[in-house]
């Protein structure tokens, strides 16, 4: 939370309005997410695992198209209000937004969009703040490790309900 508030101030000072909007969103959602996790921990004692869905060709086309449209539309908006680096700024909005959509819909490819957000954030802050670039480099490494770890876990899980399109079917816990 402290990181988000500090980053919010820095992004506002640099005129990166997309980063401001994204940071506001995540600052608001952090306590909400924490409350949901606490609730789940107290009232849902058994551990459950879910199988993440995989994007097909149509899915990739859909979400990459959404990313491009989001990037260009918000880049234009940020440019029209005098933002600094509007298109660099808006691409991080697009990848963050699509990453969040994919995470909510339980798609495994979400990590690619989180990694892209970190790469584009390094580019956004290029020449502005070495410390923030370093932070996003660490986030990028975390995204890559998370993606690889998630892929390995998906291979290790056995489906209880084969052939289901439902992303929320529960798997047996391996103990």
N, C-alpha and C. Protein backbone atom coordinates (compact mmCIF):
# COMPACT_ATOMS: atom_id res chain seq x y z
N UNK A 1 0.83 -1.18 0.00
CA UNK A 1 0.00 0.00 0.00
C UNK A 1 0.88 1.25 0.00
N UNK A 2 1.92 1.24 0.84
CA UNK A 2 2.83 2.39 0.89
C UNK A 2 3.51 2.57 -0.45
N UNK A 3 3.95 1.45 -1.06
CA UNK A 3 4.57 1.48 -2.38
C UNK A 3 3.63 2.13 -3.39
N UNK A 4 2.36 1.76 -3.36
CA UNK A 4 1.39 2.29 -4.31
C UNK A 4 1.20 3.79 -4.14
N UNK A 5 1.13 4.25 -2.91
CA UNK A 5 0.92 5.68 -2.66
C UNK A 5 2.14 6.48 -3.10
N UNK A 6 3.34 6.00 -2.79
CA UNK A 6 4.56 6.69 -3.23
C UNK A 6 4.62 6.72 -4.76
N UNK A 7 4.33 5.58 -5.38
CA UNK A 7 4.37 5.49 -6.84
C UNK A 7 3.32 6.42 -7.46
N UNK A 8 2.17 6.53 -6.84
CA UNK A 8 1.11 7.42 -7.31
C UNK A 8 1.61 8.86 -7.37
N UNK A 9 2.28 9.30 -6.32
CA UNK A 9 2.81 10.67 -6.27
C UNK A 9 3.87 10.86 -7.35
N UNK A 10 4.79 9.91 -7.49
CA UNK A 10 5.86 10.02 -8.50
C UNK A 10 5.29 10.05 -9.92
N UNK A 11 4.33 9.18 -10.20
CA UNK A 11 3.72 9.14 -11.53
C UNK A 11 2.99 10.44 -11.84
N UNK A 12 2.31 10.99 -10.85
CA UNK A 12 1.61 12.26 -11.04
C UNK A 12 2.60 13.38 -11.32
N UNK A 13 3.71 13.41 -10.59
CA UNK A 13 4.74 14.43 -10.81
C UNK A 13 5.34 14.35 -12.21
N UNK A 14 5.49 13.13 -12.74
CA UNK A 14 6.08 12.94 -14.07
C UNK A 14 5.06 13.11 -15.19
N UNK A 15 3.79 13.23 -14.87
CA UNK A 15 2.76 13.38 -15.89
C UNK A 15 2.40 12.08 -16.58
N UNK A 16 2.60 10.96 -15.89
CA UNK A 16 2.23 9.65 -16.42
C UNK A 16 0.83 9.31 -15.90
N UNK A 17 -0.19 9.88 -16.55
CA UNK A 17 -1.56 9.79 -16.05
C UNK A 17 -2.13 8.37 -16.10
N UNK A 18 -1.67 7.57 -17.03
CA UNK A 18 -2.10 6.18 -17.06
C UNK A 18 -1.61 5.42 -15.84
N UNK A 19 -0.38 5.68 -15.46
CA UNK A 19 0.16 5.06 -14.25
C UNK A 19 -0.61 5.53 -13.02
N UNK A 20 -1.02 6.80 -13.03
CA UNK A 20 -1.82 7.33 -11.92
C UNK A 20 -3.13 6.56 -11.82
N UNK A 21 -3.84 6.40 -12.95
CA UNK A 21 -5.12 5.68 -12.94
C UNK A 21 -4.95 4.23 -12.52
N UNK A 22 -3.95 3.57 -13.08
CA UNK A 22 -3.71 2.17 -12.73
C UNK A 22 -3.37 2.02 -11.25
N UNK A 23 -2.53 2.92 -10.75
CA UNK A 23 -2.13 2.85 -9.34
C UNK A 23 -3.31 3.14 -8.42
N UNK A 24 -4.16 4.09 -8.80
CA UNK A 24 -5.38 4.34 -8.01
C UNK A 24 -6.23 3.08 -7.94
N UNK A 25 -6.40 2.43 -9.08
CA UNK A 25 -7.20 1.20 -9.12
C UNK A 25 -6.63 0.14 -8.18
N UNK A 26 -5.32 -0.12 -8.31
CA UNK A 26 -4.72 -1.17 -7.48
C UNK A 26 -4.65 -0.76 -6.01
N UNK A 27 -4.51 0.53 -5.71
CA UNK A 27 -4.51 1.00 -4.32
C UNK A 27 -5.86 0.74 -3.67
N UNK A 28 -6.92 0.97 -4.42
CA UNK A 28 -8.27 0.71 -3.91
C UNK A 28 -8.52 -0.79 -3.78
N UNK A 29 -8.04 -1.57 -4.75
CA UNK A 29 -8.32 -3.01 -4.76
C UNK A 29 -7.49 -3.80 -3.75
N UNK A 30 -6.34 -3.29 -3.32
CA UNK A 30 -5.51 -4.03 -2.37
C UNK A 30 -6.24 -4.36 -1.07
N UNK A 31 -6.86 -3.38 -0.39
CA UNK A 31 -7.57 -3.74 0.84
C UNK A 31 -8.78 -4.65 0.58
N UNK A 32 -9.44 -4.46 -0.55
CA UNK A 32 -10.58 -5.31 -0.90
C UNK A 32 -10.10 -6.75 -1.08
N UNK A 33 -9.01 -6.93 -1.83
CA UNK A 33 -8.44 -8.26 -2.03
C UNK A 33 -8.01 -8.89 -0.73
N UNK A 34 -7.41 -8.10 0.15
CA UNK A 34 -6.98 -8.61 1.45
C UNK A 34 -8.17 -9.11 2.26
N UNK A 35 -9.26 -8.35 2.25
CA UNK A 35 -10.46 -8.77 2.98
C UNK A 35 -11.03 -10.07 2.41
N UNK A 36 -11.02 -10.21 1.09
CA UNK A 36 -11.51 -11.45 0.47
C UNK A 36 -10.63 -12.62 0.89
N UNK A 37 -9.32 -12.44 0.89
CA UNK A 37 -8.41 -13.52 1.29
C UNK A 37 -8.63 -13.90 2.75
N UNK A 38 -8.81 -12.90 3.61
CA UNK A 38 -9.05 -13.18 5.03
C UNK A 38 -10.35 -13.97 5.18
N UNK A 39 -11.38 -13.55 4.48
CA UNK A 39 -12.66 -14.25 4.52
C UNK A 39 -12.50 -15.70 4.07
N UNK A 40 -11.81 -15.89 2.94
CA UNK A 40 -11.59 -17.24 2.41
C UNK A 40 -10.83 -18.10 3.42
N UNK A 41 -9.83 -17.53 4.06
CA UNK A 41 -9.02 -18.29 5.02
C UNK A 41 -9.83 -18.70 6.25
N UNK A 42 -10.77 -17.85 6.66
CA UNK A 42 -11.55 -18.15 7.86
C UNK A 42 -12.70 -19.10 7.60
N UNK A 43 -13.34 -18.98 6.46
CA UNK A 43 -14.57 -19.73 6.22
C UNK A 43 -14.44 -20.86 5.21
N UNK A 44 -13.32 -20.95 4.55
CA UNK A 44 -13.11 -22.02 3.57
C UNK A 44 -11.80 -22.71 3.93
N UNK A 45 -11.86 -23.55 4.93
CA UNK A 45 -10.65 -24.17 5.48
C UNK A 45 -9.94 -25.13 4.53
N UNK A 46 -10.72 -25.88 3.75
CA UNK A 46 -10.09 -26.85 2.86
C UNK A 46 -9.41 -26.13 1.70
N UNK A 47 -8.27 -26.63 1.31
CA UNK A 47 -7.54 -26.04 0.20
C UNK A 47 -8.07 -26.61 -1.10
N UNK A 48 -8.28 -25.73 -2.05
CA UNK A 48 -8.76 -26.16 -3.35
C UNK A 48 -7.82 -25.62 -4.42
N UNK A 49 -7.70 -26.36 -5.49
CA UNK A 49 -6.88 -25.93 -6.61
C UNK A 49 -7.75 -25.90 -7.85
N UNK A 50 -7.45 -25.00 -8.75
CA UNK A 50 -8.23 -24.84 -9.96
C UNK A 50 -7.34 -24.99 -11.18
N UNK A 51 -7.90 -25.49 -12.24
CA UNK A 51 -7.16 -25.60 -13.49
C UNK A 51 -7.40 -24.33 -14.29
N UNK A 52 -6.32 -23.70 -14.68
CA UNK A 52 -6.43 -22.51 -15.50
C UNK A 52 -6.68 -22.91 -16.95
N UNK A 53 -7.51 -22.13 -17.60
CA UNK A 53 -7.79 -22.38 -19.01
C UNK A 53 -6.63 -21.88 -19.87
N UNK A 54 -6.62 -22.33 -21.11
CA UNK A 54 -5.58 -21.93 -22.05
C UNK A 54 -6.23 -21.19 -23.22
N UNK A 55 -5.62 -20.06 -23.61
CA UNK A 55 -6.14 -19.31 -24.74
C UNK A 55 -5.91 -20.07 -26.04
N UNK A 56 -6.92 -20.08 -26.90
CA UNK A 56 -6.75 -20.64 -28.24
C UNK A 56 -6.44 -19.48 -29.19
N UNK A 57 -6.37 -19.75 -30.47
CA UNK A 57 -6.06 -18.71 -31.45
C UNK A 57 -7.03 -17.55 -31.43
N UNK A 58 -8.33 -17.87 -31.31
CA UNK A 58 -9.34 -16.81 -31.25
C UNK A 58 -9.18 -15.97 -29.99
N UNK A 59 -8.85 -16.63 -28.89
CA UNK A 59 -8.64 -15.91 -27.64
C UNK A 59 -7.46 -14.96 -27.71
N UNK A 60 -6.36 -15.45 -28.28
CA UNK A 60 -5.18 -14.59 -28.46
C UNK A 60 -5.52 -13.38 -29.32
N UNK A 61 -6.22 -13.63 -30.43
CA UNK A 61 -6.61 -12.54 -31.32
C UNK A 61 -7.47 -11.53 -30.57
N UNK A 62 -8.43 -12.03 -29.82
CA UNK A 62 -9.34 -11.16 -29.07
C UNK A 62 -8.57 -10.29 -28.07
N UNK A 63 -7.74 -10.92 -27.23
CA UNK A 63 -7.09 -10.17 -26.16
C UNK A 63 -5.94 -9.29 -26.66
N UNK A 64 -5.27 -9.69 -27.72
CA UNK A 64 -4.27 -8.80 -28.31
C UNK A 64 -4.93 -7.61 -28.98
N UNK A 65 -6.09 -7.84 -29.61
CA UNK A 65 -6.84 -6.73 -30.22
C UNK A 65 -7.33 -5.75 -29.16
N UNK A 66 -7.84 -6.28 -28.06
CA UNK A 66 -8.27 -5.41 -26.96
C UNK A 66 -7.08 -4.59 -26.46
N UNK A 67 -5.92 -5.23 -26.34
CA UNK A 67 -4.72 -4.53 -25.87
C UNK A 67 -4.35 -3.38 -26.80
N UNK A 68 -4.35 -3.65 -28.10
CA UNK A 68 -3.98 -2.62 -29.08
C UNK A 68 -4.98 -1.47 -29.07
N UNK A 69 -6.27 -1.80 -29.05
CA UNK A 69 -7.30 -0.74 -29.02
C UNK A 69 -7.20 0.09 -27.74
N UNK A 70 -7.01 -0.56 -26.63
CA UNK A 70 -6.86 0.11 -25.33
C UNK A 70 -5.65 1.03 -25.37
N UNK A 71 -4.53 0.51 -25.86
CA UNK A 71 -3.28 1.28 -25.95
C UNK A 71 -3.48 2.54 -26.79
N UNK A 72 -4.03 2.38 -27.99
CA UNK A 72 -4.18 3.53 -28.89
C UNK A 72 -5.21 4.53 -28.37
N UNK A 73 -6.35 4.04 -27.87
CA UNK A 73 -7.40 4.94 -27.38
C UNK A 73 -6.91 5.76 -26.19
N UNK A 74 -6.31 5.09 -25.22
CA UNK A 74 -5.85 5.82 -24.05
C UNK A 74 -4.61 6.66 -24.36
N UNK A 75 -3.77 6.22 -25.29
CA UNK A 75 -2.65 7.04 -25.73
C UNK A 75 -3.14 8.35 -26.31
N UNK A 76 -4.18 8.29 -27.13
CA UNK A 76 -4.78 9.50 -27.70
C UNK A 76 -5.36 10.39 -26.60
N UNK A 77 -6.07 9.78 -25.66
CA UNK A 77 -6.66 10.55 -24.55
C UNK A 77 -5.56 11.23 -23.74
N UNK A 78 -4.52 10.48 -23.38
CA UNK A 78 -3.43 11.06 -22.59
C UNK A 78 -2.70 12.15 -23.36
N UNK A 79 -2.54 11.95 -24.66
CA UNK A 79 -1.89 12.97 -25.49
C UNK A 79 -2.74 14.24 -25.51
N UNK A 80 -4.05 14.09 -25.59
CA UNK A 80 -4.94 15.25 -25.68
C UNK A 80 -4.98 16.06 -24.37
N UNK A 81 -4.62 15.44 -23.24
CA UNK A 81 -4.60 16.19 -21.98
C UNK A 81 -3.18 16.57 -21.56
N UNK A 82 -2.23 16.39 -22.48
CA UNK A 82 -0.87 16.85 -22.24
C UNK A 82 -0.01 15.95 -21.37
N UNK A 83 -0.31 14.67 -21.37
CA UNK A 83 0.50 13.73 -20.58
C UNK A 83 1.90 13.60 -21.17
N UNK A 84 2.85 13.29 -20.32
CA UNK A 84 4.21 13.02 -20.74
C UNK A 84 4.29 11.56 -21.20
N UNK A 85 4.80 11.32 -22.40
CA UNK A 85 4.94 9.97 -22.95
C UNK A 85 3.60 9.21 -22.99
N UNK A 86 2.59 9.76 -23.64
CA UNK A 86 1.24 9.19 -23.57
C UNK A 86 1.11 7.75 -24.08
N UNK A 87 1.81 7.41 -25.15
CA UNK A 87 1.65 6.06 -25.69
C UNK A 87 2.47 5.03 -24.93
N UNK A 88 3.59 5.45 -24.37
CA UNK A 88 4.33 4.55 -23.48
C UNK A 88 3.50 4.29 -22.22
N UNK A 89 2.82 5.33 -21.77
CA UNK A 89 2.00 5.24 -20.57
C UNK A 89 0.78 4.36 -20.80
N UNK A 90 0.14 4.52 -21.94
CA UNK A 90 -1.11 3.78 -22.18
C UNK A 90 -0.88 2.29 -22.46
N UNK A 91 0.29 1.91 -22.95
CA UNK A 91 0.52 0.49 -23.20
C UNK A 91 0.56 -0.29 -21.88
N UNK A 92 1.06 0.36 -20.82
CA UNK A 92 1.04 -0.33 -19.53
C UNK A 92 -0.38 -0.47 -18.99
N UNK A 93 -1.23 0.51 -19.30
CA UNK A 93 -2.65 0.37 -18.93
C UNK A 93 -3.27 -0.83 -19.63
N UNK A 94 -2.97 -0.95 -20.92
CA UNK A 94 -3.56 -2.03 -21.73
C UNK A 94 -3.11 -3.39 -21.23
N UNK A 95 -1.82 -3.56 -21.00
CA UNK A 95 -1.33 -4.88 -20.57
C UNK A 95 -1.77 -5.19 -19.14
N UNK A 96 -1.81 -4.17 -18.28
CA UNK A 96 -2.34 -4.37 -16.92
C UNK A 96 -3.81 -4.78 -16.97
N UNK A 97 -4.59 -4.06 -17.76
CA UNK A 97 -6.02 -4.33 -17.85
C UNK A 97 -6.32 -5.71 -18.39
N UNK A 98 -5.67 -6.08 -19.47
CA UNK A 98 -5.90 -7.40 -20.06
C UNK A 98 -5.36 -8.49 -19.14
N UNK A 99 -4.23 -8.24 -18.49
CA UNK A 99 -3.72 -9.21 -17.51
C UNK A 99 -4.72 -9.46 -16.40
N UNK A 100 -5.36 -8.39 -15.93
CA UNK A 100 -6.36 -8.53 -14.87
C UNK A 100 -7.59 -9.29 -15.37
N UNK A 101 -8.02 -9.01 -16.59
CA UNK A 101 -9.16 -9.73 -17.18
C UNK A 101 -8.83 -11.23 -17.27
N UNK A 102 -7.64 -11.54 -17.77
CA UNK A 102 -7.25 -12.95 -17.92
C UNK A 102 -7.10 -13.64 -16.56
N UNK A 103 -6.60 -12.91 -15.57
CA UNK A 103 -6.47 -13.50 -14.24
C UNK A 103 -7.85 -13.79 -13.66
N UNK A 104 -8.77 -12.86 -13.80
CA UNK A 104 -10.12 -13.04 -13.28
C UNK A 104 -10.82 -14.21 -13.97
N UNK A 105 -10.58 -14.36 -15.27
CA UNK A 105 -11.20 -15.44 -16.04
C UNK A 105 -10.40 -16.75 -15.95
N UNK A 106 -9.36 -16.78 -15.15
CA UNK A 106 -8.53 -17.96 -14.89
C UNK A 106 -7.88 -18.50 -16.18
N UNK A 107 -7.17 -17.62 -16.88
CA UNK A 107 -6.37 -18.03 -18.03
C UNK A 107 -4.91 -18.03 -17.63
N UNK A 108 -4.18 -19.08 -18.03
CA UNK A 108 -2.78 -19.16 -17.63
C UNK A 108 -1.89 -18.13 -18.32
N UNK A 109 -2.30 -17.63 -19.47
CA UNK A 109 -1.46 -16.68 -20.21
C UNK A 109 -1.41 -15.30 -19.58
N UNK A 110 -2.13 -15.11 -18.48
CA UNK A 110 -2.10 -13.82 -17.80
C UNK A 110 -0.68 -13.37 -17.50
N UNK A 111 0.21 -14.30 -17.13
CA UNK A 111 1.57 -13.93 -16.73
C UNK A 111 2.32 -13.24 -17.86
N UNK A 112 1.98 -13.57 -19.10
CA UNK A 112 2.64 -12.93 -20.24
C UNK A 112 2.30 -11.44 -20.26
N UNK A 113 1.05 -11.12 -19.94
CA UNK A 113 0.64 -9.72 -19.91
C UNK A 113 1.24 -8.99 -18.71
N UNK A 114 1.38 -9.68 -17.58
CA UNK A 114 2.04 -9.06 -16.43
C UNK A 114 3.52 -8.80 -16.76
N UNK A 115 4.17 -9.76 -17.41
CA UNK A 115 5.57 -9.57 -17.80
C UNK A 115 5.69 -8.42 -18.80
N UNK A 116 4.76 -8.35 -19.76
CA UNK A 116 4.78 -7.25 -20.73
C UNK A 116 4.59 -5.91 -20.03
N UNK A 117 3.72 -5.86 -19.03
CA UNK A 117 3.53 -4.63 -18.27
C UNK A 117 4.85 -4.18 -17.66
N UNK A 118 5.60 -5.12 -17.12
CA UNK A 118 6.87 -4.77 -16.49
C UNK A 118 7.90 -4.30 -17.51
N UNK A 119 7.95 -4.94 -18.67
CA UNK A 119 8.87 -4.51 -19.73
C UNK A 119 8.51 -3.09 -20.18
N UNK A 120 7.22 -2.86 -20.44
CA UNK A 120 6.79 -1.53 -20.89
C UNK A 120 6.95 -0.47 -19.80
N UNK A 121 6.84 -0.87 -18.54
CA UNK A 121 7.06 0.08 -17.45
C UNK A 121 8.52 0.49 -17.36
N UNK A 122 9.42 -0.45 -17.61
CA UNK A 122 10.85 -0.10 -17.66
C UNK A 122 11.08 0.91 -18.78
N UNK A 123 10.46 0.68 -19.93
CA UNK A 123 10.58 1.60 -21.06
C UNK A 123 9.96 2.96 -20.73
N UNK A 124 8.82 2.97 -20.05
CA UNK A 124 8.15 4.22 -19.68
C UNK A 124 9.06 5.08 -18.81
N UNK A 125 9.72 4.46 -17.85
CA UNK A 125 10.54 5.20 -16.89
C UNK A 125 11.98 5.38 -17.36
N UNK A 126 12.30 4.94 -18.58
CA UNK A 126 13.66 5.04 -19.11
C UNK A 126 14.13 6.49 -19.07
N UNK A 127 15.26 6.73 -18.42
CA UNK A 127 15.81 8.07 -18.33
C UNK A 127 15.16 8.95 -17.27
N UNK A 128 14.18 8.44 -16.57
CA UNK A 128 13.48 9.21 -15.55
C UNK A 128 13.86 8.77 -14.13
N UNK A 129 13.91 7.46 -13.91
CA UNK A 129 14.19 6.95 -12.56
C UNK A 129 14.78 5.55 -12.64
N UNK A 130 16.05 5.45 -12.35
CA UNK A 130 16.72 4.15 -12.35
C UNK A 130 16.15 3.23 -11.26
N UNK A 131 15.74 3.81 -10.13
CA UNK A 131 15.19 3.01 -9.04
C UNK A 131 13.87 2.35 -9.45
N UNK A 132 13.02 3.10 -10.12
CA UNK A 132 11.74 2.53 -10.55
C UNK A 132 11.97 1.49 -11.65
N UNK A 133 12.94 1.74 -12.52
CA UNK A 133 13.28 0.73 -13.52
C UNK A 133 13.75 -0.56 -12.84
N UNK A 134 14.56 -0.42 -11.80
CA UNK A 134 15.02 -1.59 -11.04
C UNK A 134 13.87 -2.34 -10.40
N UNK A 135 12.92 -1.59 -9.88
CA UNK A 135 11.74 -2.22 -9.27
C UNK A 135 10.99 -3.04 -10.31
N UNK A 136 10.81 -2.48 -11.51
CA UNK A 136 10.09 -3.22 -12.55
C UNK A 136 10.90 -4.38 -13.10
N UNK A 137 12.22 -4.29 -13.06
CA UNK A 137 13.04 -5.44 -13.45
C UNK A 137 12.82 -6.60 -12.48
N UNK A 138 12.76 -6.29 -11.19
CA UNK A 138 12.48 -7.34 -10.20
C UNK A 138 11.08 -7.90 -10.40
N UNK A 139 10.10 -7.03 -10.68
CA UNK A 139 8.74 -7.50 -10.97
C UNK A 139 8.72 -8.40 -12.21
N UNK A 140 9.53 -8.04 -13.22
CA UNK A 140 9.60 -8.85 -14.43
C UNK A 140 10.13 -10.25 -14.11
N UNK A 141 11.19 -10.31 -13.34
CA UNK A 141 11.74 -11.62 -12.94
C UNK A 141 10.68 -12.41 -12.18
N UNK A 142 9.96 -11.75 -11.29
CA UNK A 142 8.89 -12.41 -10.53
C UNK A 142 7.80 -12.93 -11.47
N UNK A 143 7.43 -12.14 -12.47
CA UNK A 143 6.41 -12.57 -13.44
C UNK A 143 6.87 -13.82 -14.20
N UNK A 144 8.12 -13.81 -14.63
CA UNK A 144 8.64 -14.95 -15.38
C UNK A 144 8.71 -16.21 -14.51
N UNK A 145 9.20 -16.06 -13.29
CA UNK A 145 9.26 -17.20 -12.37
C UNK A 145 7.84 -17.71 -12.07
N UNK A 146 6.91 -16.79 -11.85
CA UNK A 146 5.52 -17.18 -11.60
C UNK A 146 4.90 -17.91 -12.77
N UNK A 147 5.17 -17.43 -13.98
CA UNK A 147 4.64 -18.09 -15.18
C UNK A 147 5.19 -19.49 -15.36
N UNK A 148 6.48 -19.64 -15.15
CA UNK A 148 7.11 -20.96 -15.28
C UNK A 148 6.60 -21.90 -14.19
N UNK A 149 6.52 -21.40 -12.96
CA UNK A 149 6.02 -22.20 -11.85
C UNK A 149 4.57 -22.62 -12.08
N UNK A 150 3.75 -21.70 -12.56
CA UNK A 150 2.35 -22.02 -12.84
C UNK A 150 2.22 -23.08 -13.92
N UNK A 151 3.05 -22.99 -14.95
CA UNK A 151 3.01 -23.98 -16.03
C UNK A 151 3.39 -25.37 -15.50
N UNK A 152 4.38 -25.42 -14.63
CA UNK A 152 4.78 -26.71 -14.04
C UNK A 152 3.67 -27.28 -13.16
N UNK A 153 3.02 -26.42 -12.39
CA UNK A 153 1.93 -26.88 -11.53
C UNK A 153 0.76 -27.40 -12.35
N UNK A 154 0.45 -26.73 -13.45
CA UNK A 154 -0.66 -27.17 -14.30
C UNK A 154 -0.40 -28.57 -14.84
N UNK A 155 0.84 -28.84 -15.20
CA UNK A 155 1.18 -30.17 -15.72
C UNK A 155 1.06 -31.24 -14.65
N UNK A 156 1.32 -30.85 -13.38
CA UNK A 156 1.32 -31.82 -12.29
C UNK A 156 -0.09 -32.18 -11.81
N UNK A 157 -1.06 -31.32 -12.07
CA UNK A 157 -2.41 -31.56 -11.56
C UNK A 157 -3.16 -32.57 -12.42
N UNK A 158 -3.97 -33.39 -11.76
CA UNK A 158 -4.81 -34.36 -12.47
C UNK A 158 -6.24 -33.84 -12.46
N UNK A 159 -6.88 -33.85 -13.62
CA UNK A 159 -8.26 -33.36 -13.70
C UNK A 159 -9.23 -34.36 -13.09
N UNK A 160 -10.16 -33.85 -12.31
CA UNK A 160 -11.23 -34.68 -11.77
C UNK A 160 -12.35 -34.75 -12.80
N UNK A 161 -12.57 -33.68 -13.45
CA UNK A 161 -13.66 -33.58 -14.41
C UNK A 161 -13.04 -33.32 -15.78
N UNK A 162 -12.83 -34.37 -16.55
CA UNK A 162 -12.14 -34.24 -17.83
C UNK A 162 -13.04 -33.61 -18.88
N UNK A 163 -12.41 -32.80 -19.72
CA UNK A 163 -13.12 -32.20 -20.84
C UNK A 163 -14.03 -31.05 -20.47
N UNK A 164 -13.92 -30.52 -19.27
CA UNK A 164 -14.81 -29.44 -18.87
C UNK A 164 -14.30 -28.10 -19.39
N UNK A 165 -15.21 -27.26 -19.84
CA UNK A 165 -14.86 -25.90 -20.21
C UNK A 165 -14.99 -24.97 -19.01
N UNK A 166 -15.53 -25.48 -17.91
CA UNK A 166 -15.72 -24.68 -16.71
C UNK A 166 -14.36 -24.48 -16.03
N UNK A 167 -13.87 -23.22 -15.92
CA UNK A 167 -12.55 -22.99 -15.33
C UNK A 167 -12.54 -23.15 -13.82
N UNK A 168 -13.69 -23.28 -13.21
CA UNK A 168 -13.75 -23.31 -11.76
C UNK A 168 -13.98 -24.69 -11.18
N UNK A 169 -13.74 -25.75 -11.98
CA UNK A 169 -13.92 -27.07 -11.39
C UNK A 169 -12.75 -27.37 -10.47
N UNK A 170 -13.05 -28.06 -9.40
CA UNK A 170 -12.09 -28.29 -8.32
C UNK A 170 -11.31 -29.57 -8.57
N UNK A 171 -10.05 -29.52 -8.25
CA UNK A 171 -9.19 -30.70 -8.35
C UNK A 171 -8.97 -31.29 -6.97
N UNK A 172 -8.67 -32.57 -6.95
CA UNK A 172 -8.35 -33.21 -5.68
C UNK A 172 -7.02 -32.67 -5.18
N UNK A 173 -6.94 -32.50 -3.89
CA UNK A 173 -5.71 -32.01 -3.29
C UNK A 173 -4.72 -33.17 -3.17
N UNK A 174 -3.51 -32.97 -3.65
CA UNK A 174 -2.47 -34.00 -3.54
C UNK A 174 -1.71 -33.80 -2.24
N UNK A 175 -1.81 -34.77 -1.33
CA UNK A 175 -1.07 -34.66 -0.07
C UNK A 175 -0.26 -35.90 0.17
